[in-house]
């Protein structure tokens, strides 16, 4: 979690400060994402739903950046990671929704 906010390093407690652990977590995340995209290819979605997800992604680009900026300001001022963590979790959920819509086949009309 600490690597998400740019505060990881030798000062991070326990295993979180180990760069090898951080690297392995990143590789695990990439593997899970690739498997998810492969699984998504088996589904069919309507063109309208896919278009709504694409438009939401454009709007989300602005919203998630603002959320993350506010969360980082909160982290810098009080040391509380909750705002940045919520922004990260919500944006990652949207990334998986976008990837699902992108990889799924479009239903013939």
N, C-alpha and C. Protein backbone atom coordinates (compact mmCIF):
# COMPACT_ATOMS: atom_id res chain seq x y z
N UNK A 1 0.82 -1.18 0.00
CA UNK A 1 0.00 0.00 0.00
C UNK A 1 0.87 1.25 0.00
N UNK A 2 1.97 1.23 0.69
CA UNK A 2 2.78 2.43 0.78
C UNK A 2 3.36 2.83 -0.57
N UNK A 3 3.63 1.88 -1.44
CA UNK A 3 4.19 2.20 -2.75
C UNK A 3 3.18 2.95 -3.61
N UNK A 4 1.91 2.86 -3.29
CA UNK A 4 0.88 3.54 -4.07
C UNK A 4 0.99 5.04 -3.94
N UNK A 5 1.46 5.52 -2.82
CA UNK A 5 1.46 6.94 -2.54
C UNK A 5 2.85 7.54 -2.58
N UNK A 6 3.80 6.82 -3.12
CA UNK A 6 5.15 7.35 -3.27
C UNK A 6 5.92 7.46 -1.97
N UNK A 7 5.47 6.76 -0.93
CA UNK A 7 6.14 6.86 0.36
C UNK A 7 6.86 5.57 0.72
N UNK A 8 6.97 4.64 -0.21
CA UNK A 8 7.68 3.40 0.09
C UNK A 8 9.17 3.66 0.03
N UNK A 9 9.91 2.82 0.66
CA UNK A 9 11.36 2.96 0.68
C UNK A 9 11.92 2.24 1.88
N UNK A 10 13.14 2.52 2.19
CA UNK A 10 13.76 1.82 3.31
C UNK A 10 13.13 2.20 4.64
N UNK A 11 12.47 3.35 4.73
CA UNK A 11 11.85 3.77 5.99
C UNK A 11 10.50 3.09 6.21
N UNK A 12 9.92 2.44 5.19
CA UNK A 12 8.63 1.77 5.35
C UNK A 12 8.81 0.56 6.27
N UNK A 13 7.84 0.29 7.14
CA UNK A 13 8.00 -0.78 8.11
C UNK A 13 7.86 -2.18 7.48
N UNK A 14 8.62 -3.11 8.00
CA UNK A 14 8.49 -4.52 7.64
C UNK A 14 8.71 -4.81 6.18
N UNK A 15 7.89 -5.70 5.68
CA UNK A 15 8.02 -6.17 4.29
C UNK A 15 7.67 -5.08 3.29
N UNK A 16 6.90 -4.06 3.71
CA UNK A 16 6.49 -2.99 2.80
C UNK A 16 7.66 -2.18 2.28
N UNK A 17 8.77 -2.17 3.01
CA UNK A 17 9.95 -1.43 2.61
C UNK A 17 10.87 -2.21 1.69
N UNK A 18 10.55 -3.47 1.45
CA UNK A 18 11.39 -4.33 0.62
C UNK A 18 11.05 -4.10 -0.86
N UNK A 19 11.99 -3.63 -1.67
CA UNK A 19 11.70 -3.37 -3.09
C UNK A 19 11.34 -4.64 -3.86
N UNK A 20 11.88 -5.78 -3.47
CA UNK A 20 11.55 -7.05 -4.13
C UNK A 20 10.08 -7.39 -3.92
N UNK A 21 9.58 -7.17 -2.70
CA UNK A 21 8.18 -7.43 -2.41
C UNK A 21 7.28 -6.52 -3.25
N UNK A 22 7.64 -5.25 -3.33
CA UNK A 22 6.86 -4.31 -4.14
C UNK A 22 6.85 -4.73 -5.61
N UNK A 23 7.98 -5.14 -6.12
CA UNK A 23 8.09 -5.60 -7.51
C UNK A 23 7.23 -6.84 -7.75
N UNK A 24 7.24 -7.78 -6.82
CA UNK A 24 6.43 -9.00 -6.96
C UNK A 24 4.93 -8.70 -6.91
N UNK A 25 4.54 -7.75 -6.09
CA UNK A 25 3.13 -7.34 -6.03
C UNK A 25 2.71 -6.71 -7.36
N UNK A 26 3.57 -5.92 -7.96
CA UNK A 26 3.26 -5.30 -9.25
C UNK A 26 3.12 -6.38 -10.32
N UNK A 27 4.03 -7.36 -10.33
CA UNK A 27 3.93 -8.46 -11.29
C UNK A 27 2.65 -9.26 -11.09
N UNK A 28 2.26 -9.50 -9.84
CA UNK A 28 1.01 -10.21 -9.56
C UNK A 28 -0.18 -9.43 -10.08
N UNK A 29 -0.17 -8.11 -9.89
CA UNK A 29 -1.26 -7.27 -10.40
C UNK A 29 -1.37 -7.32 -11.91
N UNK A 30 -0.24 -7.31 -12.60
CA UNK A 30 -0.24 -7.39 -14.06
C UNK A 30 -0.80 -8.73 -14.51
N UNK A 31 -0.39 -9.81 -13.85
CA UNK A 31 -0.88 -11.15 -14.19
C UNK A 31 -2.40 -11.25 -14.01
N UNK A 32 -2.91 -10.74 -12.88
CA UNK A 32 -4.35 -10.78 -12.63
C UNK A 32 -5.10 -9.97 -13.68
N UNK A 33 -4.57 -8.82 -14.06
CA UNK A 33 -5.22 -7.98 -15.07
C UNK A 33 -5.27 -8.68 -16.43
N UNK A 34 -4.19 -9.33 -16.82
CA UNK A 34 -4.17 -10.05 -18.10
C UNK A 34 -5.15 -11.21 -18.08
N UNK A 35 -5.23 -11.93 -16.98
CA UNK A 35 -6.20 -13.03 -16.87
C UNK A 35 -7.63 -12.49 -16.93
N UNK A 36 -7.88 -11.36 -16.29
CA UNK A 36 -9.20 -10.74 -16.31
C UNK A 36 -9.60 -10.34 -17.73
N UNK A 37 -8.65 -9.77 -18.46
CA UNK A 37 -8.95 -9.36 -19.84
C UNK A 37 -9.24 -10.57 -20.72
N UNK A 38 -8.53 -11.66 -20.52
CA UNK A 38 -8.81 -12.88 -21.27
C UNK A 38 -10.19 -13.44 -20.94
N UNK A 39 -10.57 -13.37 -19.68
CA UNK A 39 -11.89 -13.84 -19.26
C UNK A 39 -12.98 -12.94 -19.84
N UNK A 40 -12.72 -11.65 -19.96
CA UNK A 40 -13.71 -10.69 -20.46
C UNK A 40 -14.05 -10.92 -21.92
N UNK A 41 -13.15 -11.51 -22.69
CA UNK A 41 -13.40 -11.74 -24.11
C UNK A 41 -14.55 -12.70 -24.36
N UNK A 42 -14.96 -13.45 -23.36
CA UNK A 42 -16.03 -14.45 -23.51
C UNK A 42 -17.42 -13.83 -23.43
N UNK A 43 -17.52 -12.56 -23.10
CA UNK A 43 -18.81 -11.91 -22.91
C UNK A 43 -19.17 -11.02 -24.08
N UNK A 44 -20.48 -10.71 -24.18
CA UNK A 44 -20.98 -9.78 -25.18
C UNK A 44 -21.75 -8.67 -24.49
N UNK A 45 -21.48 -7.44 -24.89
CA UNK A 45 -22.17 -6.28 -24.33
C UNK A 45 -22.78 -5.47 -25.46
N UNK A 46 -23.85 -4.75 -25.14
CA UNK A 46 -24.48 -3.91 -26.15
C UNK A 46 -23.58 -2.71 -26.44
N UNK A 47 -23.72 -2.19 -27.64
CA UNK A 47 -22.93 -1.03 -28.05
C UNK A 47 -23.22 0.19 -27.20
N UNK A 48 -24.48 0.36 -26.79
CA UNK A 48 -24.85 1.51 -25.96
C UNK A 48 -24.17 1.47 -24.59
N UNK A 49 -24.11 0.28 -24.00
CA UNK A 49 -23.45 0.16 -22.69
C UNK A 49 -21.96 0.45 -22.81
N UNK A 50 -21.37 -0.08 -23.87
CA UNK A 50 -19.94 0.16 -24.07
C UNK A 50 -19.66 1.65 -24.28
N UNK A 51 -20.54 2.32 -25.04
CA UNK A 51 -20.37 3.76 -25.26
C UNK A 51 -20.50 4.52 -23.94
N UNK A 52 -21.44 4.13 -23.08
CA UNK A 52 -21.61 4.79 -21.79
C UNK A 52 -20.37 4.61 -20.91
N UNK A 53 -19.77 3.43 -20.95
CA UNK A 53 -18.55 3.20 -20.18
C UNK A 53 -17.41 4.06 -20.71
N UNK A 54 -17.31 4.20 -22.02
CA UNK A 54 -16.25 5.02 -22.61
C UNK A 54 -16.42 6.49 -22.23
N UNK A 55 -17.65 6.98 -22.25
CA UNK A 55 -17.92 8.37 -21.85
C UNK A 55 -17.63 8.54 -20.36
N UNK A 56 -18.05 7.57 -19.56
CA UNK A 56 -17.76 7.61 -18.12
C UNK A 56 -16.28 7.60 -17.83
N UNK A 57 -15.51 6.93 -18.67
CA UNK A 57 -14.06 6.90 -18.49
C UNK A 57 -13.47 8.29 -18.71
N UNK A 58 -13.95 9.00 -19.70
CA UNK A 58 -13.49 10.36 -19.94
C UNK A 58 -13.82 11.29 -18.78
N UNK A 59 -15.03 11.18 -18.26
CA UNK A 59 -15.42 11.99 -17.11
C UNK A 59 -14.65 11.55 -15.86
N UNK A 60 -14.47 10.25 -15.72
CA UNK A 60 -13.76 9.72 -14.57
C UNK A 60 -12.31 10.15 -14.52
N UNK A 61 -11.72 10.40 -15.67
CA UNK A 61 -10.34 10.87 -15.73
C UNK A 61 -10.19 12.14 -14.89
N UNK A 62 -11.12 13.04 -15.03
CA UNK A 62 -11.09 14.29 -14.27
C UNK A 62 -11.43 14.04 -12.81
N UNK A 63 -12.50 13.31 -12.56
CA UNK A 63 -12.98 13.08 -11.19
C UNK A 63 -11.94 12.33 -10.36
N UNK A 64 -11.36 11.27 -10.91
CA UNK A 64 -10.40 10.48 -10.15
C UNK A 64 -9.12 11.26 -9.89
N UNK A 65 -8.71 12.09 -10.82
CA UNK A 65 -7.53 12.93 -10.59
C UNK A 65 -7.77 13.94 -9.48
N UNK A 66 -8.95 14.52 -9.45
CA UNK A 66 -9.28 15.46 -8.38
C UNK A 66 -9.33 14.74 -7.04
N UNK A 67 -9.96 13.55 -7.01
CA UNK A 67 -10.03 12.77 -5.78
C UNK A 67 -8.64 12.42 -5.27
N UNK A 68 -7.77 12.00 -6.16
CA UNK A 68 -6.43 11.60 -5.77
C UNK A 68 -5.61 12.81 -5.30
N UNK A 69 -5.80 13.95 -5.96
CA UNK A 69 -5.11 15.16 -5.54
C UNK A 69 -5.54 15.57 -4.13
N UNK A 70 -6.83 15.54 -3.87
CA UNK A 70 -7.33 15.88 -2.54
C UNK A 70 -6.82 14.88 -1.50
N UNK A 71 -6.79 13.60 -1.87
CA UNK A 71 -6.28 12.58 -0.96
C UNK A 71 -4.81 12.76 -0.65
N UNK A 72 -4.03 13.15 -1.66
CA UNK A 72 -2.60 13.39 -1.42
C UNK A 72 -2.38 14.62 -0.56
N UNK A 73 -3.23 15.65 -0.72
CA UNK A 73 -3.13 16.83 0.15
C UNK A 73 -3.44 16.44 1.60
N UNK A 74 -4.43 15.58 1.76
CA UNK A 74 -4.78 15.10 3.10
C UNK A 74 -3.64 14.28 3.69
N UNK A 75 -3.00 13.46 2.87
CA UNK A 75 -1.85 12.67 3.31
C UNK A 75 -0.70 13.57 3.73
N UNK A 76 -0.45 14.61 2.97
CA UNK A 76 0.66 15.50 3.29
C UNK A 76 0.40 16.33 4.54
N UNK A 77 -0.85 16.74 4.74
CA UNK A 77 -1.15 17.62 5.87
C UNK A 77 -1.34 16.86 7.19
N UNK A 78 -2.04 15.74 7.15
CA UNK A 78 -2.35 15.05 8.41
C UNK A 78 -1.77 13.64 8.49
N UNK A 79 -1.23 13.13 7.39
CA UNK A 79 -0.69 11.77 7.40
C UNK A 79 -1.75 10.70 7.22
N UNK A 80 -2.99 11.09 6.98
CA UNK A 80 -4.10 10.16 6.82
C UNK A 80 -4.16 9.69 5.36
N UNK A 81 -4.11 8.38 5.13
CA UNK A 81 -4.09 7.83 3.77
C UNK A 81 -5.48 7.49 3.25
N UNK A 82 -6.51 7.69 4.03
CA UNK A 82 -7.86 7.25 3.63
C UNK A 82 -8.35 7.90 2.34
N UNK A 83 -8.15 9.17 2.16
CA UNK A 83 -8.63 9.85 0.95
C UNK A 83 -7.95 9.32 -0.31
N UNK A 84 -6.63 9.18 -0.27
CA UNK A 84 -5.89 8.68 -1.43
C UNK A 84 -6.21 7.20 -1.66
N UNK A 85 -6.40 6.45 -0.59
CA UNK A 85 -6.73 5.03 -0.74
C UNK A 85 -8.10 4.84 -1.37
N UNK A 86 -9.07 5.63 -0.96
CA UNK A 86 -10.41 5.55 -1.55
C UNK A 86 -10.36 5.92 -3.02
N UNK A 87 -9.63 6.98 -3.36
CA UNK A 87 -9.49 7.38 -4.77
C UNK A 87 -8.84 6.26 -5.58
N UNK A 88 -7.83 5.63 -5.03
CA UNK A 88 -7.14 4.54 -5.72
C UNK A 88 -8.06 3.35 -5.94
N UNK A 89 -8.80 2.94 -4.91
CA UNK A 89 -9.69 1.77 -5.03
C UNK A 89 -10.80 2.03 -6.04
N UNK A 90 -11.40 3.21 -5.99
CA UNK A 90 -12.48 3.54 -6.92
C UNK A 90 -11.96 3.60 -8.35
N UNK A 91 -10.79 4.19 -8.55
CA UNK A 91 -10.24 4.27 -9.91
C UNK A 91 -9.83 2.90 -10.43
N UNK A 92 -9.32 2.04 -9.57
CA UNK A 92 -8.97 0.68 -10.02
C UNK A 92 -10.22 -0.13 -10.38
N UNK A 93 -11.29 0.07 -9.63
CA UNK A 93 -12.55 -0.60 -9.98
C UNK A 93 -13.02 -0.12 -11.35
N UNK A 94 -12.88 1.18 -11.63
CA UNK A 94 -13.28 1.70 -12.94
C UNK A 94 -12.36 1.16 -14.04
N UNK A 95 -11.09 1.00 -13.75
CA UNK A 95 -10.17 0.43 -14.74
C UNK A 95 -10.62 -0.96 -15.13
N UNK A 96 -11.04 -1.76 -14.17
CA UNK A 96 -11.49 -3.11 -14.49
C UNK A 96 -12.81 -3.08 -15.26
N UNK A 97 -13.71 -2.15 -14.93
CA UNK A 97 -14.95 -2.02 -15.70
C UNK A 97 -14.64 -1.59 -17.13
N UNK A 98 -13.74 -0.63 -17.31
CA UNK A 98 -13.35 -0.18 -18.64
C UNK A 98 -12.71 -1.32 -19.43
N UNK A 99 -11.82 -2.07 -18.79
CA UNK A 99 -11.17 -3.18 -19.47
C UNK A 99 -12.19 -4.24 -19.87
N UNK A 100 -13.17 -4.48 -19.00
CA UNK A 100 -14.22 -5.45 -19.33
C UNK A 100 -15.00 -4.99 -20.56
N UNK A 101 -15.40 -3.71 -20.57
CA UNK A 101 -16.15 -3.19 -21.71
C UNK A 101 -15.31 -3.19 -22.98
N UNK A 102 -14.04 -2.89 -22.86
CA UNK A 102 -13.16 -2.84 -24.02
C UNK A 102 -12.92 -4.23 -24.60
N UNK A 103 -12.75 -5.21 -23.74
CA UNK A 103 -12.39 -6.56 -24.21
C UNK A 103 -13.60 -7.39 -24.63
N UNK A 104 -14.78 -7.10 -24.08
CA UNK A 104 -15.97 -7.89 -24.42
C UNK A 104 -16.39 -7.61 -25.87
N UNK A 105 -16.95 -8.61 -26.47
CA UNK A 105 -17.45 -8.47 -27.84
C UNK A 105 -18.70 -7.59 -27.83
N UNK A 106 -18.94 -6.91 -28.94
CA UNK A 106 -20.15 -6.11 -29.08
C UNK A 106 -21.25 -6.98 -29.67
N UNK A 107 -22.42 -6.94 -29.03
CA UNK A 107 -23.56 -7.74 -29.51
C UNK A 107 -24.00 -7.27 -30.88
N UNK A 108 -24.28 -8.19 -31.78
CA UNK A 108 -24.85 -7.77 -33.07
C UNK A 108 -26.29 -7.29 -32.86
N UNK A 109 -26.66 -6.24 -33.55
CA UNK A 109 -28.01 -5.68 -33.34
C UNK A 109 -29.00 -6.21 -34.29
